PDB file of N, CA and C in Angstrom:
ATOM      1  N   MET A   1       0.827  -1.185   0.000  1.00  0.00           N
ATOM      2  CA  MET A   1       0.000   0.000   0.000  1.00  0.00           C
ATOM      3  C   MET A   1       0.876   1.254   0.000  1.00  0.00           C
ATOM      4  N   LEU A   2       1.909   1.280   0.824  1.00  0.00           N
ATOM      5  CA  LEU A   2       2.797   2.436   0.899  1.00  0.00           C
ATOM      6  C   LEU A   2       3.486   2.683  -0.436  1.00  0.00           C
ATOM      7  N   LYS A   3       3.888   1.609  -1.112  1.00  0.00           N
ATOM      8  CA  LYS A   3       4.537   1.766  -2.412  1.00  0.00           C
ATOM      9  C   LYS A   3       3.591   2.410  -3.419  1.00  0.00           C
ATOM     10  N   LYS A   4       2.320   2.019  -3.408  1.00  0.00           N
ATOM     11  CA  LYS A   4       1.345   2.600  -4.323  1.00  0.00           C
ATOM     12  C   LYS A   4       1.121   4.073  -4.008  1.00  0.00           C
ATOM     13  N   SER A   5       1.044   4.421  -2.734  1.00  0.00           N
ATOM     14  CA  SER A   5       0.848   5.815  -2.339  1.00  0.00           C
ATOM     15  C   SER A   5       2.042   6.661  -2.731  1.00  0.00           C
ATOM     16  N   LEU A   6       3.232   6.160  -2.487  1.00  0.00           N
ATOM     17  CA  LEU A   6       4.443   6.881  -2.844  1.00  0.00           C
ATOM     18  C   LEU A   6       4.526   7.060  -4.357  1.00  0.00           C
ATOM     19  N   ALA A   7       4.191   6.039  -5.100  1.00  0.00           N
ATOM     20  CA  ALA A   7       4.197   6.133  -6.559  1.00  0.00           C
ATOM     21  C   ALA A   7       3.202   7.179  -7.042  1.00  0.00           C
ATOM     22  N   ALA A   8       2.063   7.265  -6.407  1.00  0.00           N
ATOM     23  CA  ALA A   8       1.053   8.260  -6.788  1.00  0.00           C
ATOM     24  C   ALA A   8       1.551   9.669  -6.509  1.00  0.00           C
ATOM     25  N   VAL A   9       2.199   9.877  -5.380  1.00  0.00           N
ATOM     26  CA  VAL A   9       2.744  11.196  -5.047  1.00  0.00           C
ATOM     27  C   VAL A   9       3.817  11.588  -6.051  1.00  0.00           C
ATOM     28  N   ILE A  10       4.693  10.687  -6.373  1.00  0.00           N
ATOM     29  CA  ILE A  10       5.755  10.966  -7.344  1.00  0.00           C
ATOM     30  C   ILE A  10       5.155  11.291  -8.710  1.00  0.00           C
ATOM     31  N   ALA A  11       4.143  10.558  -9.118  1.00  0.00           N
ATOM     32  CA  ALA A  11       3.490  10.823 -10.397  1.00  0.00           C
ATOM     33  C   ALA A  11       2.883  12.221 -10.432  1.00  0.00           C
ATOM     34  N   VAL A  12       2.274  12.637  -9.340  1.00  0.00           N
ATOM     35  CA  VAL A  12       1.685  13.978  -9.282  1.00  0.00           C
ATOM     36  C   VAL A  12       2.775  15.033  -9.365  1.00  0.00           C
ATOM     37  N   LEU A  13       3.879  14.839  -8.667  1.00  0.00           N
ATOM     38  CA  LEU A  13       4.966  15.818  -8.705  1.00  0.00           C
ATOM     39  C   LEU A  13       5.540  15.971 -10.104  1.00  0.00           C
ATOM     40  N   PHE A  14       5.647  14.871 -10.844  1.00  0.00           N
ATOM     41  CA  PHE A  14       6.147  14.973 -12.207  1.00  0.00           C
ATOM     42  C   PHE A  14       5.113  15.567 -13.146  1.00  0.00           C
ATOM     43  N   ALA A  15       3.851  15.320 -12.888  1.00  0.00           N
ATOM     44  CA  ALA A  15       2.794  15.873 -13.732  1.00  0.00           C
ATOM     45  C   ALA A  15       2.623  17.368 -13.489  1.00  0.00           C
ATOM     46  N   PHE A  16       2.861  17.818 -12.265  1.00  0.00           N
ATOM     47  CA  PHE A  16       2.691  19.214 -11.895  1.00  0.00           C
ATOM     48  C   PHE A  16       3.972  19.715 -11.247  1.00  0.00           C
ATOM     49  N   PRO A  17       4.951  20.141 -12.063  1.00  0.00           N
ATOM     50  CA  PRO A  17       6.251  20.525 -11.509  1.00  0.00           C
ATOM     51  C   PRO A  17       6.187  21.674 -10.526  1.00  0.00           C
ATOM     52  N   ALA A  18       5.168  22.534 -10.617  1.00  0.00           N
ATOM     53  CA  ALA A  18       5.054  23.633  -9.664  1.00  0.00           C
ATOM     54  C   ALA A  18       4.916  23.085  -8.251  1.00  0.00           C
ATOM     55  N   LEU A  19       4.237  21.945  -8.093  1.00  0.00           N
ATOM     56  CA  LEU A  19       4.051  21.363  -6.770  1.00  0.00           C
ATOM     57  C   LEU A  19       5.372  20.935  -6.155  1.00  0.00           C
ATOM     58  N   ALA A  20       6.302  20.513  -6.976  1.00  0.00           N
ATOM     59  CA  ALA A  20       7.596  20.080  -6.460  1.00  0.00           C
ATOM     60  C   ALA A  20       8.382  21.253  -5.888  1.00  0.00           C
ATOM     61  N   MET A  21       8.184  22.452  -6.425  1.00  0.00           N
ATOM     62  CA  MET A  21       8.886  23.641  -5.949  1.00  0.00           C
ATOM     63  C   MET A  21       8.110  24.366  -4.853  1.00  0.00           C
ATOM     64  N   ASP A  22       6.830  24.097  -4.722  1.00  0.00           N
ATOM     65  CA  ASP A  22       5.944  24.805  -3.795  1.00  0.00           C
ATOM     66  C   ASP A  22       6.074  24.222  -2.392  1.00  0.00           C
ATOM     67  N   SER A  23       7.097  24.679  -1.674  1.00  0.00           N
ATOM     68  CA  SER A  23       7.389  24.074  -0.374  1.00  0.00           C
ATOM     69  C   SER A  23       6.377  24.422   0.715  1.00  0.00           C
ATOM     70  N   ASP A  24       5.651  25.540   0.576  1.00  0.00           N
ATOM     71  CA  ASP A  24       4.672  25.882   1.604  1.00  0.00           C
ATOM     72  C   ASP A  24       3.256  25.426   1.263  1.00  0.00           C
ATOM     73  N   GLY A  25       3.075  24.830   0.077  1.00  0.00           N
ATOM     74  CA  GLY A  25       1.800  24.238  -0.297  1.00  0.00           C
ATOM     75  C   GLY A  25       0.688  25.217  -0.613  1.00  0.00           C
ATOM     76  N   ASP A  26       1.032  26.465  -0.953  1.00  0.00           N
ATOM     77  CA  ASP A  26      -0.018  27.436  -1.241  1.00  0.00           C
ATOM     78  C   ASP A  26      -0.468  27.448  -2.701  1.00  0.00           C
ATOM     79  N   GLY A  27       0.127  26.573  -3.513  1.00  0.00           N
ATOM     80  CA  GLY A  27      -0.261  26.485  -4.920  1.00  0.00           C
ATOM     81  C   GLY A  27       0.508  27.423  -5.829  1.00  0.00           C
ATOM     82  N   LEU A  28       1.419  28.204  -5.262  1.00  0.00           N
ATOM     83  CA  LEU A  28       2.243  29.135  -6.030  1.00  0.00           C
ATOM     84  C   LEU A  28       3.705  28.933  -5.669  1.00  0.00           C
ATOM     85  N   VAL A  29       4.593  29.317  -6.578  1.00  0.00           N
ATOM     86  CA  VAL A  29       6.025  29.222  -6.316  1.00  0.00           C
ATOM     87  C   VAL A  29       6.556  30.639  -6.153  1.00  0.00           C
ATOM     88  N   SER A  30       6.996  30.952  -4.945  1.00  0.00           N
ATOM     89  CA  SER A  30       7.560  32.273  -4.672  1.00  0.00           C
ATOM     90  C   SER A  30       8.983  32.340  -5.214  1.00  0.00           C
ATOM     91  N   ALA A  31       9.546  33.540  -5.229  1.00  0.00           N
ATOM     92  CA  ALA A  31      10.930  33.707  -5.663  1.00  0.00           C
ATOM     93  C   ALA A  31      11.874  32.902  -4.772  1.00  0.00           C
ATOM     94  N   ALA A  32      11.605  32.890  -3.467  1.00  0.00           N
ATOM     95  CA  ALA A  32      12.450  32.129  -2.535  1.00  0.00           C
ATOM     96  C   ALA A  32      12.359  30.624  -2.800  1.00  0.00           C
ATOM     97  N   GLU A  33      11.151  30.130  -3.056  1.00  0.00           N
ATOM     98  CA  GLU A  33      10.983  28.695  -3.358  1.00  0.00           C
ATOM     99  C   GLU A  33      11.675  28.348  -4.675  1.00  0.00           C
ATOM    100  N   PHE A  34      11.562  29.235  -5.658  1.00  0.00           N
ATOM    101  CA  PHE A  34      12.210  29.002  -6.947  1.00  0.00           C
ATOM    102  C   PHE A  34      13.722  28.941  -6.770  1.00  0.00           C
ATOM    103  N   GLU A  35      14.271  29.891  -6.018  1.00  0.00           N
ATOM    104  CA  GLU A  35      15.715  29.929  -5.775  1.00  0.00           C
ATOM    105  C   GLU A  35      16.176  28.666  -5.044  1.00  0.00           C
ATOM    106  N   ALA A  36      15.388  28.206  -4.074  1.00  0.00           N
ATOM    107  CA  ALA A  36      15.753  26.990  -3.339  1.00  0.00           C
ATOM    108  C   ALA A  36      15.735  25.768  -4.247  1.00  0.00           C
ATOM    109  N   ALA A  37      14.774  25.715  -5.165  1.00  0.00           N
ATOM    110  CA  ALA A  37      14.641  24.564  -6.060  1.00  0.00           C
ATOM    111  C   ALA A  37      15.620  24.624  -7.232  1.00  0.00           C
ATOM    112  N   MET A  38      15.981  25.846  -7.644  1.00  0.00           N
ATOM    113  CA  MET A  38      16.827  26.021  -8.829  1.00  0.00           C
ATOM    114  C   MET A  38      17.939  27.034  -8.538  1.00  0.00           C
ATOM    115  N   PRO A  39      18.853  26.694  -7.627  1.00  0.00           N
ATOM    116  CA  PRO A  39      19.882  27.665  -7.222  1.00  0.00           C
ATOM    117  C   PRO A  39      20.834  28.077  -8.342  1.00  0.00           C
ATOM    118  N   ASP A  40      20.947  27.277  -9.381  1.00  0.00           N
ATOM    119  CA  ASP A  40      21.868  27.595 -10.471  1.00  0.00           C
ATOM    120  C   ASP A  40      21.197  28.328 -11.627  1.00  0.00           C
ATOM    121  N   ALA A  41      19.920  28.677 -11.488  1.00  0.00           N
ATOM    122  CA  ALA A  41      19.221  29.395 -12.550  1.00  0.00           C
ATOM    123  C   ALA A  41      19.859  30.778 -12.731  1.00  0.00           C
ATOM    124  N   PRO A  42      20.011  31.212 -13.970  1.00  0.00           N
ATOM    125  CA  PRO A  42      20.585  32.534 -14.207  1.00  0.00           C
ATOM    126  C   PRO A  42      19.744  33.647 -13.566  1.00  0.00           C
ATOM    127  N   SER A  43      20.398  34.727 -13.209  1.00  0.00           N
ATOM    128  CA  SER A  43      19.710  35.876 -12.634  1.00  0.00           C
ATOM    129  C   SER A  43      18.616  36.356 -13.596  1.00  0.00           C
ATOM    130  N   GLY A  44      17.456  36.666 -13.059  1.00  0.00           N
ATOM    131  CA  GLY A  44      16.349  37.157 -13.876  1.00  0.00           C
ATOM    132  C   GLY A  44      15.422  36.082 -14.399  1.00  0.00           C
ATOM    133  N   THR A  45      15.758  34.819 -14.151  1.00  0.00           N
ATOM    134  CA  THR A  45      14.922  33.725 -14.657  1.00  0.00           C
ATOM    135  C   THR A  45      13.530  33.760 -14.042  1.00  0.00           C
ATOM    136  N   PHE A  46      13.467  33.961 -12.732  1.00  0.00           N
ATOM    137  CA  PHE A  46      12.164  33.998 -12.066  1.00  0.00           C
ATOM    138  C   PHE A  46      11.301  35.106 -12.657  1.00  0.00           C
ATOM    139  N   GLU A  47      11.871  36.276 -12.828  1.00  0.00           N
ATOM    140  CA  GLU A  47      11.133  37.409 -13.379  1.00  0.00           C
ATOM    141  C   GLU A  47      10.681  37.129 -14.807  1.00  0.00           C
ATOM    142  N   GLN A  48      11.507  36.436 -15.572  1.00  0.00           N
ATOM    143  CA  GLN A  48      11.151  36.056 -16.946  1.00  0.00           C
ATOM    144  C   GLN A  48       9.945  35.116 -16.950  1.00  0.00           C
ATOM    145  N   LEU A  49       9.901  34.210 -16.002  1.00  0.00           N
ATOM    146  CA  LEU A  49       8.807  33.242 -15.939  1.00  0.00           C
ATOM    147  C   LEU A  49       7.525  33.841 -15.366  1.00  0.00           C
ATOM    148  N   ASP A  50       7.659  34.853 -14.516  1.00  0.00           N
ATOM    149  CA  ASP A  50       6.502  35.467 -13.853  1.00  0.00           C
ATOM    150  C   ASP A  50       5.805  36.428 -14.829  1.00  0.00           C
ATOM    151  N   VAL A  51       5.120  35.862 -15.792  1.00  0.00           N
ATOM    152  CA  VAL A  51       4.521  36.621 -16.893  1.00  0.00           C
ATOM    153  C   VAL A  51       3.502  37.648 -16.396  1.00  0.00           C
ATOM    154  N   ASP A  52       2.708  37.288 -15.401  1.00  0.00           N
ATOM    155  CA  ASP A  52       1.684  38.220 -14.931  1.00  0.00           C
ATOM    156  C   ASP A  52       2.215  39.217 -13.903  1.00  0.00           C
ATOM    157  N   GLY A  53       3.485  39.069 -13.506  1.00  0.00           N
ATOM    158  CA  GLY A  53       4.134  40.035 -12.633  1.00  0.00           C
ATOM    159  C   GLY A  53       3.602  40.100 -11.213  1.00  0.00           C
ATOM    160  N   ASP A  54       2.975  39.009 -10.756  1.00  0.00           N
ATOM    161  CA  ASP A  54       2.403  39.035  -9.404  1.00  0.00           C
ATOM    162  C   ASP A  54       3.384  38.596  -8.316  1.00  0.00           C
ATOM    163  N   GLY A  55       4.613  38.288  -8.697  1.00  0.00           N
ATOM    164  CA  GLY A  55       5.616  37.898  -7.709  1.00  0.00           C
ATOM    165  C   GLY A  55       5.593  36.433  -7.340  1.00  0.00           C
ATOM    166  N   ALA A  56       4.809  35.640  -8.045  1.00  0.00           N
ATOM    167  CA  ALA A  56       4.735  34.195  -7.796  1.00  0.00           C
ATOM    168  C   ALA A  56       4.479  33.483  -9.116  1.00  0.00           C
ATOM    169  N   LEU A  57       4.929  32.257  -9.196  1.00  0.00           N
ATOM    170  CA  LEU A  57       4.689  31.453 -10.387  1.00  0.00           C
ATOM    171  C   LEU A  57       3.519  30.520 -10.132  1.00  0.00           C
ATOM    172  N   ASN A  58       2.551  30.545 -11.030  1.00  0.00           N
ATOM    173  CA  ASN A  58       1.449  29.591 -10.941  1.00  0.00           C
ATOM    174  C   ASN A  58       1.802  28.382 -11.801  1.00  0.00           C
ATOM    175  N   SER A  59       0.959  27.377 -11.802  1.00  0.00           N
ATOM    176  CA  SER A  59       1.282  26.143 -12.519  1.00  0.00           C
ATOM    177  C   SER A  59       1.414  26.378 -14.021  1.00  0.00           C
ATOM    178  N   ALA A  60       0.650  27.317 -14.589  1.00  0.00           N
ATOM    179  CA  ALA A  60       0.746  27.602 -16.024  1.00  0.00           C
ATOM    180  C   ALA A  60       2.092  28.239 -16.360  1.00  0.00           C
ATOM    181  N   GLU A  61       2.564  29.132 -15.503  1.00  0.00           N
ATOM    182  CA  GLU A  61       3.853  29.780 -15.744  1.00  0.00           C
ATOM    183  C   GLU A  61       4.999  28.775 -15.615  1.00  0.00           C
ATOM    184  N   VAL A  62       4.900  27.880 -14.645  1.00  0.00           N
ATOM    185  CA  VAL A  62       5.922  26.837 -14.501  1.00  0.00           C
ATOM    186  C   VAL A  62       5.889  25.908 -15.710  1.00  0.00           C
ATOM    187  N   ALA A  63       4.699  25.521 -16.151  1.00  0.00           N
ATOM    188  CA  ALA A  63       4.575  24.641 -17.321  1.00  0.00           C
ATOM    189  C   ALA A  63       5.139  25.320 -18.564  1.00  0.00           C
ATOM    190  N   ALA A  64       4.873  26.609 -18.733  1.00  0.00           N
ATOM    191  CA  ALA A  64       5.402  27.341 -19.882  1.00  0.00           C
ATOM    192  C   ALA A  64       6.925  27.390 -19.823  1.00  0.00           C
ATOM    193  N   GLY A  65       7.476  27.572 -18.629  1.00  0.00           N
ATOM    194  CA  GLY A  65       8.929  27.557 -18.466  1.00  0.00           C
ATOM    195  C   GLY A  65       9.519  26.205 -18.780  1.00  0.00           C
ATOM    196  N   ARG A  66       8.830  25.173 -18.406  1.00  0.00           N
ATOM    197  CA  ARG A  66       9.282  23.814 -18.719  1.00  0.00           C
ATOM    198  C   ARG A  66       9.212  23.550 -20.218  1.00  0.00           C
ATOM    199  N   ASP A  67       8.096  23.956 -20.834  1.00  0.00           N
ATOM    200  CA  ASP A  67       7.933  23.768 -22.277  1.00  0.00           C
ATOM    201  C   ASP A  67       8.985  24.534 -23.073  1.00  0.00           C
ATOM    202  N   ALA A  68       9.398  25.703 -22.556  1.00  0.00           N
ATOM    203  CA  ALA A  68      10.401  26.526 -23.230  1.00  0.00           C
ATOM    204  C   ALA A  68      11.826  26.060 -22.948  1.00  0.00           C
ATOM    205  N   GLY A  69      11.964  25.068 -22.070  1.00  0.00           N
ATOM    206  CA  GLY A  69      13.290  24.547 -21.722  1.00  0.00           C
ATOM    207  C   GLY A  69      14.019  25.375 -20.685  1.00  0.00           C
ATOM    208  N   ILE A  70      13.319  26.331 -20.063  1.00  0.00           N
ATOM    209  CA  ILE A  70      13.932  27.157 -19.021  1.00  0.00           C
ATOM    210  C   ILE A  70      14.019  26.383 -17.712  1.00  0.00           C
ATOM    211  N   ILE A  71      12.981  25.614 -17.433  1.00  0.00           N
ATOM    212  CA  ILE A  71      12.943  24.753 -16.243  1.00  0.00           C
ATOM    213  C   ILE A  71      13.102  23.318 -16.735  1.00  0.00           C
ATOM    214  N   PRO A  72      14.039  22.571 -16.164  1.00  0.00           N
ATOM    215  CA  PRO A  72      14.214  21.179 -16.602  1.00  0.00           C
ATOM    216  C   PRO A  72      12.963  20.349 -16.377  1.00  0.00           C
ATOM    217  N   ALA A  73      12.697  19.466 -17.299  1.00  0.00           N
ATOM    218  CA  ALA A  73      11.527  18.590 -17.200  1.00  0.00           C
ATOM    219  C   ALA A  73      11.739  17.512 -16.173  1.00  0.00           C
TER     220      ALA A  73
END
């Protein structure tokens, strides 16, 4: 049972990469969470991904970054 649950959690994290970076579970990735998850990202990457300029990345912005090759898949 534990193996199935763990597999389901891992599948969700890969399906929704924003969740993997969202350490506080609020559904958004803050600049601090992004930096913690991607410390080697070039300066300005977070701002480039934050298309709506609200200071947080939503799942669509993370997916767009992944599709563009900015965030590793």
